[in-house]
Amino acid sequence: MDHSYHKGRLKWIPVSQTHYWQVNVNRVITIIQNVINAKPFDQQYLVPCSTINSLPSIIFTINGNKYPVPAQAYIWKEPMDCSCEEVLLCKPSHTTAYTAEPMRLGHCTHNLFNPQLSTTLRFSGQSFNLGYGAGRIVGITAYNIVWIMNLINLGQAFVLSQKQNGLVDAIFDGVLGLGHPSLTAKRIIPVSDNLKTRGVISKPVFAFYLSTKKENGSMVMFGEVDHSYHQGEPKWILVSRTNYWQITTNRITMVGVILGCSRSCQAIMDTGTALLLGPTRVITMIQNLTKDRPFDQQYLVPCSDINSLLSIIFTVNGNEYPVPTQATSRRLGANPGG
């Protein structure tokens, strides 16, 4: 026996029945579900993920010795493995209509919503067919309660996706629209607007923080800005057209070269895309400056050059916003070295 795999002296327990590895247990902490305040759901019991670290251990006493089992070991978190990313999800205690088991669609495991298990959902009868840059969703619209932390929005319209093309391999289970109401499909009022109209939040503000680091994670905020997610004073930019989150950009430069907008131009802020889109002439200039090599309808740069490439600088309201090359380049998964 390799003793490097345990601490202290080994404790031996006699087997009480040789048919199994069966031992006599003196006592076990009972009424676990009541103690941890677990809520019943579809033959399971759920607890909020945020409470797991504060829950007590279950202690097995055998031969007079106590063997604690922490909550992290006796509560199961739903795994979702997608695109080489490990994301641990736990069913929220307020959710009443997840299926008992997640379903694997494409290469990803997704939590599915079962409307038949919801007592608060109302169908509108409207069909829905919308194309995204990365795919298409076909479904029906419905109304239900949306619960975001301590914010409750009654009667929020949303779409139940019945068919999806191109989105099943995404690491997310759904899409939360933050667009302007005038552009929404079926004139559905977005969550952020409903929260303000109904007085749930005091300010007509939402903000987001996007991170590629798992330990930090991304964040969306409603009603106010969490200033711990930025440095310095926030700079406010007027929307030049209310149909989009559209702003006026003074110029776009890289290594001192003006790429575009020499006399100002219009740009759209969009969290719904992972791409930086622009006119062919501007994108071609960027590719020339970064010495990209064309390959299979893409342009490649050696990974070893990424950190030495200069940022693309967007000048808005006289303020410069640099976008580093690490944010405009995607590392190919097939070759981690470059």
C-alpha atoms as a PDB file:
ATOM      1  CA  MET A   1       0.000   0.000   0.000  1.00  0.00           C
ATOM      2  CA  ASP A   2       1.314   3.428  -1.006  1.00  0.00           C
ATOM      3  CA  HIS A   3       1.000   5.519   2.178  1.00  0.00           C
ATOM      4  CA  SER A   4       1.592   8.758   0.311  1.00  0.00           C
ATOM      5  CA  TYR A   5      -2.120   8.716  -0.573  1.00  0.00           C
ATOM      6  CA  HIS A   6      -3.383   9.195   3.022  1.00  0.00           C
ATOM      7  CA  LYS A   7      -2.586  11.065   6.206  1.00  0.00           C
ATOM      8  CA  GLY A   8      -2.253   9.608   9.708  1.00  0.00           C
ATOM      9  CA  ARG A   9      -2.551   5.989  10.778  1.00  0.00           C
ATOM     10  CA  LEU A  10      -4.841   3.677   8.863  1.00  0.00           C
ATOM     11  CA  LYS A  11      -8.020   2.585  10.611  1.00  0.00           C
ATOM     12  CA  TRP A  12      -9.188  -0.956   9.847  1.00  0.00           C
ATOM     13  CA  ILE A  13     -12.898  -1.824   9.857  1.00  0.00           C
ATOM     14  CA  PRO A  14     -14.102  -5.443  10.025  1.00  0.00           C
ATOM     15  CA  VAL A  15     -16.565  -6.464   7.290  1.00  0.00           C
ATOM     16  CA  SER A  16     -19.927  -7.403   8.830  1.00  0.00           C
ATOM     17  CA  GLN A  17     -21.106  -9.384   5.807  1.00  0.00           C
ATOM     18  CA  THR A  18     -18.767 -10.822   3.227  1.00  0.00           C
ATOM     19  CA  HIS A  19     -21.354 -10.787   0.475  1.00  0.00           C
ATOM     20  CA  TYR A  20     -20.782  -6.999   0.224  1.00  0.00           C
ATOM     21  CA  TRP A  21     -18.125  -4.717   1.579  1.00  0.00           C
ATOM     22  CA  GLN A  22     -20.575  -4.111   4.397  1.00  0.00           C
ATOM     23  CA  VAL A  23     -19.770  -2.456   7.699  1.00  0.00           C
ATOM     24  CA  ASN A  24     -21.747  -1.581  10.831  1.00  0.00           C
ATOM     25  CA  VAL A  25     -22.483   2.146  11.095  1.00  0.00           C
ATOM     26  CA  ASN A  26     -23.078   3.421  14.625  1.00  0.00           C
ATOM     27  CA  ARG A  27     -24.985   6.529  13.655  1.00  0.00           C
ATOM     28  CA  VAL A  28     -25.520   8.828  10.697  1.00  0.00           C
ATOM     29  CA  ILE A  29     -26.730  12.419  10.628  1.00  0.00           C
ATOM     30  CA  THR A  30     -30.323  12.112   9.492  1.00  0.00           C
ATOM     31  CA  ILE A  31     -32.958  14.406   8.009  1.00  0.00           C
ATOM     32  CA  ILE A  32     -30.255  15.751   5.697  1.00  0.00           C
ATOM     33  CA  GLN A  33     -32.696  17.370   3.311  1.00  0.00           C
ATOM     34  CA  ASN A  34     -34.258  19.430   6.092  1.00  0.00           C
ATOM     35  CA  VAL A  35     -30.921  20.404   7.579  1.00  0.00           C
ATOM     36  CA  ILE A  36     -29.530  21.735   4.282  1.00  0.00           C
ATOM     37  CA  ASN A  37     -32.899  23.242   3.284  1.00  0.00           C
ATOM     38  CA  ALA A  38     -33.046  21.323  -0.004  1.00  0.00           C
ATOM     39  CA  LYS A  39     -36.081  21.857  -2.214  1.00  0.00           C
ATOM     40  CA  PRO A  40     -37.798  18.875  -3.872  1.00  0.00           C
ATOM     41  CA  PHE A  41     -37.877  18.795  -7.661  1.00  0.00           C
ATOM     42  CA  ASP A  42     -38.687  15.865  -9.965  1.00  0.00           C
ATOM     43  CA  GLN A  43     -37.484  13.124  -7.571  1.00  0.00           C
ATOM     44  CA  GLN A  44     -34.413  15.167  -6.698  1.00  0.00           C
ATOM     45  CA  TYR A  45     -33.570  17.766  -4.062  1.00  0.00           C
ATOM     46  CA  LEU A  46     -31.935  21.037  -5.073  1.00  0.00           C
ATOM     47  CA  VAL A  47     -29.874  23.635  -3.226  1.00  0.00           C
ATOM     48  CA  PRO A  48     -28.440  26.933  -4.557  1.00  0.00           C
ATOM     49  CA  CYS A  49     -24.822  26.631  -5.667  1.00  0.00           C
ATOM     50  CA  SER A  50     -23.923  29.686  -3.602  1.00  0.00           C
ATOM     51  CA  THR A  51     -24.736  27.835  -0.345  1.00  0.00           C
ATOM     52  CA  ILE A  52     -22.683  24.675  -0.925  1.00  0.00           C
ATOM     53  CA  ASN A  53     -19.516  25.856   0.834  1.00  0.00           C
ATOM     54  CA  SER A  54     -21.517  26.801   3.946  1.00  0.00           C
ATOM     55  CA  LEU A  55     -23.415  23.503   4.281  1.00  0.00           C
ATOM     56  CA  PRO A  56     -22.413  21.058   7.049  1.00  0.00           C
ATOM     57  CA  SER A  57     -20.692  17.751   6.465  1.00  0.00           C
ATOM     58  CA  ILE A  58     -22.426  14.402   6.883  1.00  0.00           C
ATOM     59  CA  ILE A  59     -20.513  12.505   9.564  1.00  0.00           C
ATOM     60  CA  PHE A  60     -20.326   8.716   9.552  1.00  0.00           C
ATOM     61  CA  THR A  61     -19.195   7.276  12.886  1.00  0.00           C
ATOM     62  CA  ILE A  62     -17.681   3.793  12.514  1.00  0.00           C
ATOM     63  CA  ASN A  63     -15.784   1.933  15.219  1.00  0.00           C
ATOM     64  CA  GLY A  64     -15.933   5.139  17.241  1.00  0.00           C
ATOM     65  CA  ASN A  65     -14.111   7.123  14.539  1.00  0.00           C
ATOM     66  CA  LYS A  66     -15.772  10.024  12.697  1.00  0.00           C
ATOM     67  CA  TYR A  67     -15.587  10.216   8.909  1.00  0.00           C
ATOM     68  CA  PRO A  68     -16.944  13.575   7.641  1.00  0.00           C
ATOM     69  CA  VAL A  69     -18.216  13.858   4.066  1.00  0.00           C
ATOM     70  CA  PRO A  70     -18.291  17.553   2.990  1.00  0.00           C
ATOM     71  CA  ALA A  71     -21.165  19.046   1.022  1.00  0.00           C
ATOM     72  CA  GLN A  72     -18.960  19.344  -2.060  1.00  0.00           C
ATOM     73  CA  ALA A  73     -18.783  15.533  -2.079  1.00  0.00           C
ATOM     74  CA  TYR A  74     -22.449  14.651  -1.480  1.00  0.00           C
ATOM     75  CA  ILE A  75     -24.006  17.325  -3.713  1.00  0.00           C
ATOM     76  CA  TRP A  76     -23.730  16.729  -7.413  1.00  0.00           C
ATOM     77  CA  LYS A  77     -23.147  19.606  -9.805  1.00  0.00           C
ATOM     78  CA  GLU A  78     -24.269  19.159 -13.368  1.00  0.00           C
ATOM     79  CA  PRO A  79     -21.240  19.044 -15.677  1.00  0.00           C
ATOM     80  CA  MET A  80     -21.199  20.621 -19.118  1.00  0.00           C
ATOM     81  CA  ASP A  81     -18.215  19.818 -21.274  1.00  0.00           C
ATOM     82  CA  CYS A  82     -18.171  21.843 -24.474  1.00  0.00           C
ATOM     83  CA  SER A  83     -15.452  22.946 -26.835  1.00  0.00           C
ATOM     84  CA  CYS A  84     -12.769  21.753 -24.416  1.00  0.00           C
ATOM     85  CA  GLU A  85     -14.191  24.015 -21.697  1.00  0.00           C
ATOM     86  CA  GLU A  86     -15.324  22.555 -18.393  1.00  0.00           C
ATOM     87  CA  VAL A  87     -18.219  24.499 -16.961  1.00  0.00           C
ATOM     88  CA  LEU A  88     -19.900  23.364 -13.775  1.00  0.00           C
ATOM     89  CA  LEU A  89     -23.551  24.239 -13.504  1.00  0.00           C
ATOM     90  CA  CYS A  90     -25.853  23.725 -10.579  1.00  0.00           C
ATOM     91  CA  LYS A  91     -29.629  23.828 -10.993  1.00  0.00           C
ATOM     92  CA  PRO A  92     -30.895  26.967  -9.236  1.00  0.00           C
ATOM     93  CA  SER A  93     -33.366  26.407  -6.447  1.00  0.00           C
ATOM     94  CA  HIS A  94     -35.862  28.830  -8.026  1.00  0.00           C
ATOM     95  CA  THR A  95     -36.057  26.958 -11.321  1.00  0.00           C
ATOM     96  CA  THR A  96     -39.129  24.771 -11.594  1.00  0.00           C
ATOM     97  CA  ALA A  97     -38.990  23.373 -15.079  1.00  0.00           C
ATOM     98  CA  TYR A  98     -35.658  21.827 -15.939  1.00  0.00           C
ATOM     99  CA  THR A  99     -35.709  18.244 -17.151  1.00  0.00           C
ATOM    100  CA  ALA A 100     -34.392  15.703 -14.683  1.00  0.00           C
ATOM    101  CA  GLU A 101     -31.305  15.014 -16.780  1.00  0.00           C
ATOM    102  CA  PRO A 102     -29.366  17.327 -19.107  1.00  0.00           C
ATOM    103  CA  MET A 103     -29.398  16.366 -22.791  1.00  0.00           C
ATOM    104  CA  ARG A 104     -26.424  16.191 -25.089  1.00  0.00           C
ATOM    105  CA  LEU A 105     -26.936  18.175 -28.298  1.00  0.00           C
ATOM    106  CA  GLY A 106     -24.070  18.140 -30.779  1.00  0.00           C
ATOM    107  CA  HIS A 107     -20.863  18.087 -28.742  1.00  0.00           C
ATOM    108  CA  CYS A 108     -22.365  19.885 -25.746  1.00  0.00           C
ATOM    109  CA  THR A 109     -24.504  19.024 -22.768  1.00  0.00           C
ATOM    110  CA  HIS A 110     -27.365  21.477 -22.342  1.00  0.00           C
ATOM    111  CA  ASN A 111     -29.982  21.983 -19.663  1.00  0.00           C
ATOM    112  CA  LEU A 112     -33.416  21.777 -21.267  1.00  0.00           C
ATOM    113  CA  PHE A 113     -36.557  23.617 -20.197  1.00  0.00           C
ATOM    114  CA  ASN A 114     -39.727  21.531 -19.985  1.00  0.00           C
ATOM    115  CA  PRO A 115     -42.757  23.868 -20.123  1.00  0.00           C
ATOM    116  CA  GLN A 116     -45.089  21.090 -18.954  1.00  0.00           C
ATOM    117  CA  LEU A 117     -43.426  21.168 -15.540  1.00  0.00           C
ATOM    118  CA  SER A 118     -43.962  24.915 -15.085  1.00  0.00           C
ATOM    119  CA  THR A 119     -47.057  26.180 -13.276  1.00  0.00           C
ATOM    120  CA  THR A 120     -46.426  29.830 -14.209  1.00  0.00           C
ATOM    121  CA  LEU A 121     -45.727  29.643 -17.951  1.00  0.00           C
ATOM    122  CA  ARG A 122     -48.250  31.019 -20.487  1.00  0.00           C
ATOM    123  CA  PHE A 123     -48.021  30.394 -24.226  1.00  0.00           C
ATOM    124  CA  SER A 124     -48.666  33.305 -26.586  1.00  0.00           C
ATOM    125  CA  GLY A 125     -49.345  31.161 -29.648  1.00  0.00           C
ATOM    126  CA  GLN A 126     -46.845  33.084 -31.789  1.00  0.00           C
ATOM    127  CA  SER A 127     -44.253  31.215 -33.826  1.00  0.00           C
ATOM    128  CA  PHE A 128     -40.657  32.450 -33.929  1.00  0.00           C
ATOM    129  CA  ASN A 129     -37.997  32.125 -36.624  1.00  0.00           C
ATOM    130  CA  LEU A 130     -34.829  34.167 -36.256  1.00  0.00           C
ATOM    131  CA  GLY A 131     -31.418  33.937 -37.885  1.00  0.00           C
ATOM    132  CA  TYR A 132     -28.230  34.789 -36.012  1.00  0.00           C
ATOM    133  CA  GLY A 133     -24.736  35.198 -37.383  1.00  0.00           C
ATOM    134  CA  ALA A 134     -23.935  31.755 -35.985  1.00  0.00           C
ATOM    135  CA  GLY A 135     -27.195  29.942 -36.726  1.00  0.00           C
ATOM    136  CA  ARG A 136     -30.984  29.993 -36.594  1.00  0.00           C
ATOM    137  CA  ILE A 137     -33.635  29.355 -33.950  1.00  0.00           C
ATOM    138  CA  VAL A 138     -37.204  28.205 -34.601  1.00  0.00           C
ATOM    139  CA  GLY A 139     -39.689  28.064 -31.741  1.00  0.00           C
ATOM    140  CA  ILE A 140     -42.689  29.632 -30.037  1.00  0.00           C
ATOM    141  CA  THR A 141     -43.047  32.595 -27.693  1.00  0.00           C
ATOM    142  CA  ALA A 142     -44.273  32.352 -24.115  1.00  0.00           C
ATOM    143  CA  TYR A 143     -44.439  34.332 -20.856  1.00  0.00           C
ATOM    144  CA  ASN A 144     -42.996  33.353 -17.505  1.00  0.00           C
ATOM    145  CA  ILE A 145     -41.358  34.678 -14.349  1.00  0.00           C
ATOM    146  CA  VAL A 146     -37.712  35.663 -14.775  1.00  0.00           C
ATOM    147  CA  TRP A 147     -35.668  35.572 -11.583  1.00  0.00           C
ATOM    148  CA  ILE A 148     -32.179  37.161 -11.668  1.00  0.00           C
ATOM    149  CA  MET A 149     -30.572  37.080  -8.221  1.00  0.00           C
ATOM    150  CA  ASN A 150     -32.999  39.241  -6.186  1.00  0.00           C
ATOM    151  CA  LEU A 151     -34.687  40.789  -9.257  1.00  0.00           C
ATOM    152  CA  ILE A 152     -38.087  39.343 -10.183  1.00  0.00           C
ATOM    153  CA  ASN A 153     -39.750  40.137 -13.498  1.00  0.00           C
ATOM    154  CA  LEU A 154     -43.313  38.838 -13.823  1.00  0.00           C
ATOM    155  CA  GLY A 155     -44.656  38.017 -17.263  1.00  0.00           C
ATOM    156  CA  GLN A 156     -41.443  38.266 -19.279  1.00  0.00           C
ATOM    157  CA  ALA A 157     -41.824  37.231 -22.916  1.00  0.00           C
ATOM    158  CA  PHE A 158     -39.207  34.822 -24.232  1.00  0.00           C
ATOM    159  CA  VAL A 159     -38.771  32.137 -26.884  1.00  0.00           C
ATOM    160  CA  LEU A 160     -38.877  28.380 -26.392  1.00  0.00           C
ATOM    161  CA  SER A 161     -36.438  27.034 -28.970  1.00  0.00           C
ATOM    162  CA  GLN A 162     -37.738  23.895 -30.692  1.00  0.00           C
ATOM    163  CA  LYS A 163     -35.175  23.698 -33.483  1.00  0.00           C
ATOM    164  CA  GLN A 164     -31.746  25.259 -33.632  1.00  0.00           C
ATOM    165  CA  ASN A 165     -29.114  25.260 -36.307  1.00  0.00           C
ATOM    166  CA  GLY A 166     -25.495  26.141 -35.646  1.00  0.00           C
ATOM    167  CA  LEU A 167     -25.988  26.895 -31.934  1.00  0.00           C
ATOM    168  CA  VAL A 168     -26.068  23.409 -30.406  1.00  0.00           C
ATOM    169  CA  ASP A 169     -22.276  23.395 -29.963  1.00  0.00           C
ATOM    170  CA  ALA A 170     -22.292  26.663 -28.013  1.00  0.00           C
ATOM    171  CA  ILE A 171     -21.237  26.510 -24.348  1.00  0.00           C
ATOM    172  CA  PHE A 172     -24.357  28.447 -23.314  1.00  0.00           C
ATOM    173  CA  ASP A 173     -27.910  27.136 -22.923  1.00  0.00           C
ATOM    174  CA  GLY A 174     -29.734  30.243 -24.145  1.00  0.00           C
ATOM    175  CA  VAL A 175     -29.489  33.831 -25.355  1.00  0.00           C
ATOM    176  CA  LEU A 176     -30.374  36.890 -23.256  1.00  0.00           C
ATOM    177  CA  GLY A 177     -31.196  39.779 -25.591  1.00  0.00           C
ATOM    178  CA  LEU A 178     -30.041  43.269 -24.602  1.00  0.00           C
ATOM    179  CA  GLY A 179     -30.909  44.984 -27.882  1.00  0.00           C
ATOM    180  CA  HIS A 180     -33.048  48.075 -28.327  1.00  0.00           C
ATOM    181  CA  PRO A 181     -36.801  47.302 -28.152  1.00  0.00           C
ATOM    182  CA  SER A 182     -37.389  48.708 -31.659  1.00  0.00           C
ATOM    183  CA  LEU A 183     -35.212  45.946 -33.141  1.00  0.00           C
ATOM    184  CA  THR A 184     -36.466  42.952 -31.184  1.00  0.00           C
ATOM    185  CA  ALA A 185     -38.278  40.158 -32.998  1.00  0.00           C
ATOM    186  CA  LYS A 186     -42.066  40.040 -32.443  1.00  0.00           C
ATOM    187  CA  ARG A 187     -41.648  43.355 -30.558  1.00  0.00           C
ATOM    188  CA  ILE A 188     -40.708  41.441 -27.419  1.00  0.00           C
ATOM    189  CA  ILE A 189     -39.655  43.878 -24.689  1.00  0.00           C
ATOM    190  CA  PRO A 190     -36.169  42.950 -23.386  1.00  0.00           C
ATOM    191  CA  VAL A 191     -35.627  41.980 -19.758  1.00  0.00           C
ATOM    192  CA  SER A 192     -33.676  45.166 -18.984  1.00  0.00           C
ATOM    193  CA  ASP A 193     -36.492  47.442 -20.207  1.00  0.00           C
ATOM    194  CA  ASN A 194     -39.171  45.488 -18.334  1.00  0.00           C
ATOM    195  CA  LEU A 195     -37.196  45.636 -15.098  1.00  0.00           C
ATOM    196  CA  LYS A 196     -37.050  49.451 -15.336  1.00  0.00           C
ATOM    197  CA  THR A 197     -40.659  49.953 -16.493  1.00  0.00           C
ATOM    198  CA  ARG A 198     -41.968  47.872 -13.597  1.00  0.00           C
ATOM    199  CA  GLY A 199     -39.808  49.655 -11.026  1.00  0.00           C
ATOM    200  CA  VAL A 200     -37.693  46.609 -10.176  1.00  0.00           C
ATOM    201  CA  ILE A 201     -34.497  48.573 -10.847  1.00  0.00           C
ATOM    202  CA  SER A 202     -34.085  52.273 -10.090  1.00  0.00           C
ATOM    203  CA  LYS A 203     -31.884  53.287 -13.039  1.00  0.00           C
ATOM    204  CA  PRO A 204     -32.247  52.464 -16.763  1.00  0.00           C
ATOM    205  CA  VAL A 205     -28.759  50.977 -16.806  1.00  0.00           C
ATOM    206  CA  PHE A 206     -27.243  47.621 -17.650  1.00  0.00           C
ATOM    207  CA  ALA A 207     -23.564  46.808 -17.883  1.00  0.00           C
ATOM    208  CA  PHE A 208     -21.477  43.787 -18.650  1.00  0.00           C
ATOM    209  CA  TYR A 209     -17.968  42.537 -18.045  1.00  0.00           C
ATOM    210  CA  LEU A 210     -16.587  39.953 -20.466  1.00  0.00           C
ATOM    211  CA  SER A 211     -13.704  37.760 -19.393  1.00  0.00           C
ATOM    212  CA  THR A 212     -11.828  34.869 -20.937  1.00  0.00           C
ATOM    213  CA  LYS A 213     -10.477  33.830 -17.537  1.00  0.00           C
ATOM    214  CA  LYS A 214     -12.496  31.088 -15.864  1.00  0.00           C
ATOM    215  CA  GLU A 215     -11.502  32.119 -12.357  1.00  0.00           C
ATOM    216  CA  ASN A 216     -12.922  35.617 -12.833  1.00  0.00           C
ATOM    217  CA  GLY A 217     -15.881  34.901 -15.049  1.00  0.00           C
ATOM    218  CA  SER A 218     -18.094  37.284 -16.974  1.00  0.00           C
ATOM    219  CA  MET A 219     -20.820  39.395 -15.410  1.00  0.00           C
ATOM    220  CA  VAL A 220     -23.991  41.234 -16.441  1.00  0.00           C
ATOM    221  CA  MET A 221     -25.412  43.961 -14.184  1.00  0.00           C
ATOM    222  CA  PHE A 222     -28.867  45.543 -14.123  1.00  0.00           C
ATOM    223  CA  GLY A 223     -29.823  48.873 -12.542  1.00  0.00           C
ATOM    224  CA  GLU A 224     -26.315  49.977 -11.635  1.00  0.00           C
ATOM    225  CA  VAL A 225     -22.628  49.420 -12.386  1.00  0.00           C
ATOM    226  CA  ASP A 226     -20.353  47.399 -10.127  1.00  0.00           C
ATOM    227  CA  HIS A 227     -17.287  49.648 -10.148  1.00  0.00           C
ATOM    228  CA  SER A 228     -14.997  46.848  -8.991  1.00  0.00           C
ATOM    229  CA  TYR A 229     -15.042  45.600 -12.590  1.00  0.00           C
ATOM    230  CA  HIS A 230     -13.309  48.645 -14.083  1.00  0.00           C
ATOM    231  CA  GLN A 231     -10.507  51.114 -13.381  1.00  0.00           C
ATOM    232  CA  GLY A 232     -10.822  54.889 -13.459  1.00  0.00           C
ATOM    233  CA  GLU A 233     -13.948  56.931 -14.095  1.00  0.00           C
ATOM    234  CA  PRO A 234     -16.520  55.498 -16.557  1.00  0.00           C
ATOM    235  CA  LYS A 235     -16.777  57.414 -19.830  1.00  0.00           C
ATOM    236  CA  TRP A 236     -20.282  57.837 -21.215  1.00  0.00           C
ATOM    237  CA  ILE A 237     -20.905  57.900 -24.972  1.00  0.00           C
ATOM    238  CA  LEU A 238     -24.089  59.246 -26.562  1.00  0.00           C
ATOM    239  CA  VAL A 239     -26.027  56.831 -28.752  1.00  0.00           C
ATOM    240  CA  SER A 240     -26.227  58.303 -32.244  1.00  0.00           C
ATOM    241  CA  ARG A 241     -29.140  56.110 -33.351  1.00  0.00           C
ATOM    242  CA  THR A 242     -31.559  54.429 -30.995  1.00  0.00           C
ATOM    243  CA  ASN A 243     -32.327  51.505 -33.291  1.00  0.00           C
ATOM    244  CA  TYR A 244     -28.923  50.086 -32.411  1.00  0.00           C
ATOM    245  CA  TRP A 245     -26.415  50.737 -29.665  1.00  0.00           C
ATOM    246  CA  GLN A 246     -24.810  52.910 -32.323  1.00  0.00           C
ATOM    247  CA  ILE A 247     -22.093  55.466 -31.622  1.00  0.00           C
ATOM    248  CA  THR A 248     -19.924  57.944 -33.540  1.00  0.00           C
ATOM    249  CA  THR A 249     -16.290  56.898 -33.832  1.00  0.00           C
ATOM    250  CA  ASN A 250     -13.656  59.574 -34.515  1.00  0.00           C
ATOM    251  CA  ARG A 251     -11.062  57.281 -36.097  1.00  0.00           C
ATOM    252  CA  ILE A 252      -9.505  53.795 -36.048  1.00  0.00           C
ATOM    253  CA  THR A 253      -5.702  53.525 -35.981  1.00  0.00           C
ATOM    254  CA  MET A 254      -2.976  50.916 -35.663  1.00  0.00           C
ATOM    255  CA  VAL A 255       0.774  51.609 -35.281  1.00  0.00           C
ATOM    256  CA  GLY A 256      -0.020  55.258 -36.037  1.00  0.00           C
ATOM    257  CA  VAL A 257      -1.697  54.428 -39.350  1.00  0.00           C
ATOM    258  CA  ILE A 258      -5.307  55.558 -39.810  1.00  0.00           C
ATOM    259  CA  LEU A 259      -7.236  52.470 -40.852  1.00  0.00           C
ATOM    260  CA  GLY A 260     -10.623  54.116 -41.236  1.00  0.00           C
ATOM    261  CA  CYS A 261     -13.010  56.788 -40.000  1.00  0.00           C
ATOM    262  CA  SER A 262     -10.555  59.577 -40.757  1.00  0.00           C
ATOM    263  CA  ARG A 263     -13.530  61.970 -40.723  1.00  0.00           C
ATOM    264  CA  SER A 264     -15.537  59.973 -38.177  1.00  0.00           C
ATOM    265  CA  CYS A 265     -17.934  57.110 -38.904  1.00  0.00           C
ATOM    266  CA  GLN A 266     -20.639  55.037 -37.249  1.00  0.00           C
ATOM    267  CA  ALA A 267     -20.036  51.871 -35.203  1.00  0.00           C
ATOM    268  CA  ILE A 268     -22.323  49.445 -33.386  1.00  0.00           C
ATOM    269  CA  MET A 269     -21.640  47.997 -29.931  1.00  0.00           C
ATOM    270  CA  ASP A 270     -22.855  44.388 -29.989  1.00  0.00           C
ATOM    271  CA  THR A 271     -22.321  41.701 -27.339  1.00  0.00           C
ATOM    272  CA  GLY A 272     -24.142  39.207 -29.564  1.00  0.00           C
ATOM    273  CA  THR A 273     -21.120  38.544 -31.754  1.00  0.00           C
ATOM    274  CA  ALA A 274     -17.592  37.332 -31.094  1.00  0.00           C
ATOM    275  CA  LEU A 275     -16.355  39.010 -34.268  1.00  0.00           C
ATOM    276  CA  LEU A 276     -14.942  42.433 -35.054  1.00  0.00           C
ATOM    277  CA  LEU A 277     -16.645  43.351 -38.331  1.00  0.00           C
ATOM    278  CA  GLY A 278     -15.654  46.151 -40.676  1.00  0.00           C
ATOM    279  CA  PRO A 279     -15.330  47.250 -44.307  1.00  0.00           C
ATOM    280  CA  THR A 280     -13.109  45.054 -46.469  1.00  0.00           C
ATOM    281  CA  ARG A 281     -10.614  47.885 -47.024  1.00  0.00           C
ATOM    282  CA  VAL A 282     -10.089  48.398 -43.267  1.00  0.00           C
ATOM    283  CA  ILE A 283      -9.814  44.687 -42.482  1.00  0.00           C
ATOM    284  CA  THR A 284      -7.316  44.236 -45.332  1.00  0.00           C
ATOM    285  CA  MET A 285      -5.138  47.012 -43.894  1.00  0.00           C
ATOM    286  CA  ILE A 286      -5.150  45.272 -40.498  1.00  0.00           C
ATOM    287  CA  GLN A 287      -4.151  41.998 -42.122  1.00  0.00           C
ATOM    288  CA  ASN A 288      -1.293  43.695 -43.943  1.00  0.00           C
ATOM    289  CA  LEU A 289      -0.024  45.410 -40.787  1.00  0.00           C
ATOM    290  CA  THR A 290      -0.128  42.146 -38.803  1.00  0.00           C
ATOM    291  CA  LYS A 291       1.351  40.180 -41.756  1.00  0.00           C
ATOM    292  CA  ASP A 292      -1.499  37.668 -41.722  1.00  0.00           C
ATOM    293  CA  ARG A 293      -1.229  34.699 -44.065  1.00  0.00           C
ATOM    294  CA  PRO A 294      -4.385  33.551 -45.917  1.00  0.00           C
ATOM    295  CA  PHE A 295      -5.484  29.980 -45.200  1.00  0.00           C
ATOM    296  CA  ASP A 296      -8.852  28.342 -45.955  1.00  0.00           C
ATOM    297  CA  GLN A 297     -10.909  31.568 -45.863  1.00  0.00           C
ATOM    298  CA  GLN A 298      -9.103  32.653 -42.707  1.00  0.00           C
ATOM    299  CA  TYR A 299      -5.963  34.643 -41.982  1.00  0.00           C
ATOM    300  CA  LEU A 300      -3.265  33.252 -39.704  1.00  0.00           C
ATOM    301  CA  VAL A 301      -0.464  34.756 -37.647  1.00  0.00           C
ATOM    302  CA  PRO A 302       2.124  32.774 -35.665  1.00  0.00           C
ATOM    303  CA  CYS A 303       1.239  32.482 -31.986  1.00  0.00           C
ATOM    304  CA  SER A 304       4.755  33.636 -31.123  1.00  0.00           C
ATOM    305  CA  ASP A 305       4.004  37.015 -32.747  1.00  0.00           C
ATOM    306  CA  ILE A 306       0.743  37.752 -30.923  1.00  0.00           C
ATOM    307  CA  ASN A 307       2.241  39.508 -27.897  1.00  0.00           C
ATOM    308  CA  SER A 308       4.455  41.739 -30.049  1.00  0.00           C
ATOM    309  CA  LEU A 309       1.644  43.028 -32.286  1.00  0.00           C
ATOM    310  CA  LEU A 310       0.226  46.451 -31.497  1.00  0.00           C
ATOM    311  CA  SER A 311      -3.374  47.166 -30.578  1.00  0.00           C
ATOM    312  CA  ILE A 312      -6.158  48.472 -32.784  1.00  0.00           C
ATOM    313  CA  ILE A 313      -7.170  51.841 -31.297  1.00  0.00           C
ATOM    314  CA  PHE A 314     -10.713  53.166 -31.520  1.00  0.00           C
ATOM    315  CA  THR A 315     -10.991  56.881 -30.749  1.00  0.00           C
ATOM    316  CA  VAL A 316     -14.452  57.854 -29.488  1.00  0.00           C
ATOM    317  CA  ASN A 317     -15.315  61.282 -28.026  1.00  0.00           C
ATOM    318  CA  GLY A 318     -11.584  62.053 -28.096  1.00  0.00           C
ATOM    319  CA  ASN A 319     -10.765  59.058 -25.846  1.00  0.00           C
ATOM    320  CA  GLU A 320      -8.641  56.172 -27.090  1.00  0.00           C
ATOM    321  CA  TYR A 321      -9.832  52.587 -26.540  1.00  0.00           C
ATOM    322  CA  PRO A 322      -7.091  50.085 -27.478  1.00  0.00           C
ATOM    323  CA  VAL A 323      -8.123  46.549 -28.422  1.00  0.00           C
ATOM    324  CA  PRO A 324      -5.119  44.206 -28.061  1.00  0.00           C
ATOM    325  CA  THR A 325      -4.321  41.581 -30.684  1.00  0.00           C
ATOM    326  CA  GLN A 326      -5.088  38.856 -28.143  1.00  0.00           C
ATOM    327  CA  ALA A 327      -8.724  39.993 -28.303  1.00  0.00           C
ATOM    328  CA  THR A 328      -8.927  40.110 -32.101  1.00  0.00           C
ATOM    329  CA  SER A 329      -7.194  36.759 -32.701  1.00  0.00           C
ATOM    330  CA  ARG A 330      -8.482  33.279 -31.990  1.00  0.00           C
ATOM    331  CA  ARG A 331      -6.074  30.481 -31.119  1.00  0.00           C
ATOM    332  CA  LEU A 332      -6.714  27.411 -33.241  1.00  0.00           C
ATOM    333  CA  GLY A 333      -7.624  24.474 -30.967  1.00  0.00           C
ATOM    334  CA  ALA A 334      -6.028  21.904 -33.265  1.00  0.00           C
ATOM    335  CA  ASN A 335      -2.558  23.320 -32.635  1.00  0.00           C
ATOM    336  CA  PRO A 336      -2.124  24.660 -29.074  1.00  0.00           C
ATOM    337  CA  GLY A 337       1.451  25.645 -29.871  1.00  0.00           C
ATOM    338  CA  GLY A 338       0.580  28.139 -32.614  1.00  0.00           C
END
